[in-house]
Amino acid sequence: MKIIVNQNSVLLPTNRFDYSAHIDGDEPDDDGRMLVGWGKTQREAVEELFNALDEAFDEKAAREAQRLFDEAEKAEIEKSEKETHEAVRYLKNADGYNPWPNGKRPRI
């Protein structure tokens, strides 16, 4: 991974944006955003870029964890529905079966 650091000549009352850092070849996403670090020095810009990378990785990991959770939940619901259908089918097949002699429950 190659990091590109630029010195910006922006006339701002602060020097917080004197340097920017981005990954070589990185393209903006669908919203026009890309990972960029800003800083007073080259080092600050690169550190901010690394922080942005960490946050992006955490967001991606969170989305993946949510996807896996949703898949597991869907599988559990499907399993539960299958078991319910099997129980209903069993009860329908058992319809008319009376376990009590003479069709009456014995008195206790």
Protein backbone atom coordinates (compact mmCIF):
# COMPACT_ATOMS: atom_id res chain seq x y z
CA MET A 1 0.00 0.00 0.00
CA LYS A 2 1.46 3.31 -1.09
CA ILE A 3 0.43 6.48 0.74
CA ILE A 4 0.48 9.79 -1.07
CA VAL A 5 1.03 12.92 1.03
CA ASN A 6 0.39 16.35 -0.46
CA GLN A 7 1.24 19.78 0.86
CA ASN A 8 -1.78 21.99 0.30
CA SER A 9 -1.48 25.68 -0.34
CA VAL A 10 -4.82 26.73 1.07
CA LEU A 11 -5.19 30.20 2.49
CA LEU A 12 -6.98 29.37 5.71
CA PRO A 13 -6.53 30.94 9.13
CA THR A 14 -5.51 27.51 10.45
CA ASN A 15 -2.67 25.21 9.50
CA ARG A 16 -4.70 22.08 10.33
CA PHE A 17 -5.14 21.34 6.61
CA ASP A 18 -1.58 22.01 5.42
CA TYR A 19 -1.07 18.32 4.52
CA SER A 20 -3.37 15.62 3.20
CA ALA A 21 -2.74 11.90 2.89
CA HIS A 22 -4.56 9.24 0.85
CA ILE A 23 -3.88 5.77 -0.50
CA ASP A 24 -2.49 5.67 -4.02
CA GLY A 25 -5.17 4.48 -6.43
CA ASP A 26 -8.04 5.03 -3.99
CA GLU A 27 -11.16 6.19 -5.77
CA PRO A 28 -14.19 8.00 -4.31
CA ASP A 29 -17.13 5.77 -3.38
CA ASP A 30 -20.65 6.17 -4.79
CA ASP A 31 -21.23 9.18 -2.52
CA GLY A 32 -18.06 10.90 -3.76
CA ARG A 33 -16.15 10.24 -0.53
CA MET A 34 -12.73 8.71 -0.14
CA LEU A 35 -10.44 8.13 2.81
CA VAL A 36 -8.25 11.17 3.40
CA GLY A 37 -6.25 12.26 6.41
CA TRP A 38 -5.55 15.93 7.13
CA GLY A 39 -2.96 17.47 9.42
CA LYS A 40 -0.57 20.27 10.30
CA THR A 41 2.31 17.95 9.42
CA GLN A 42 2.82 14.98 7.12
CA ARG A 43 2.84 12.67 10.13
CA GLU A 44 -0.51 13.99 11.44
CA ALA A 45 -2.07 13.58 8.01
CA VAL A 46 -0.89 9.95 7.76
CA GLU A 47 -2.04 9.20 11.35
CA GLU A 48 -5.47 10.63 10.57
CA LEU A 49 -5.61 8.51 7.41
CA PHE A 50 -4.82 5.39 9.46
CA ASN A 51 -7.57 6.31 11.93
CA ALA A 52 -10.00 6.68 9.02
CA LEU A 53 -8.91 3.26 7.73
CA ASP A 54 -9.53 1.73 11.18
CA GLU A 55 -13.01 3.26 11.32
CA ALA A 56 -13.82 2.05 7.80
CA PHE A 57 -12.63 -1.45 8.70
CA ASP A 58 -14.73 -1.43 11.89
CA GLU A 59 -17.80 -0.36 9.92
CA LYS A 60 -17.20 -3.09 7.34
CA ALA A 61 -16.72 -5.67 10.08
CA ALA A 62 -19.92 -4.51 11.78
CA ARG A 63 -21.87 -4.81 8.51
CA GLU A 64 -20.47 -8.31 7.95
CA ALA A 65 -21.35 -9.35 11.52
CA GLN A 66 -24.89 -8.02 11.04
CA ARG A 67 -25.19 -9.94 7.74
CA LEU A 68 -24.08 -13.16 9.42
CA PHE A 69 -26.50 -12.57 12.31
CA ASP A 70 -29.37 -11.96 9.87
CA GLU A 71 -28.53 -15.16 7.97
CA ALA A 72 -28.43 -17.17 11.19
CA GLU A 73 -31.72 -15.66 12.34
CA LYS A 74 -33.33 -16.44 8.97
CA ALA A 75 -32.07 -20.03 9.13
CA GLU A 76 -33.45 -20.37 12.67
CA ILE A 77 -36.86 -19.03 11.57
CA GLU A 78 -36.90 -21.41 8.60
CA LYS A 79 -36.00 -24.32 10.90
CA SER A 80 -38.74 -23.31 13.34
CA GLU A 81 -41.29 -23.02 10.53
CA LYS A 82 -40.27 -26.45 9.21
CA GLU A 83 -40.67 -27.99 12.66
CA THR A 84 -44.08 -26.35 13.03
CA HIS A 85 -45.18 -27.70 9.64
CA GLU A 86 -43.97 -31.18 10.61
CA ALA A 87 -45.91 -31.01 13.90
CA VAL A 88 -49.07 -29.91 12.10
CA ARG A 89 -48.64 -32.70 9.54
CA TYR A 90 -48.18 -35.21 12.38
CA LEU A 91 -51.32 -33.97 14.12
CA LYS A 92 -53.32 -34.14 10.89
CA ASN A 93 -52.13 -37.73 10.34
CA ALA A 94 -53.03 -38.59 13.93
CA ASP A 95 -56.53 -37.15 13.50
CA GLY A 96 -59.09 -39.68 14.57
CA TYR A 97 -56.68 -41.58 16.78
CA ASN A 98 -58.02 -41.94 20.31
CA PRO A 99 -55.61 -43.39 22.88
CA TRP A 100 -58.39 -44.11 25.39
CA PRO A 101 -60.17 -47.45 25.41
CA ASN A 102 -63.79 -47.24 24.25
CA GLY A 103 -63.14 -43.62 23.17
CA LYS A 104 -63.49 -42.33 26.74
CA ARG A 105 -60.90 -41.07 29.17
CA PRO A 106 -60.81 -43.30 32.27
CA ARG A 107 -61.87 -41.82 35.58
CA ILE A 108 -59.20 -41.45 38.22
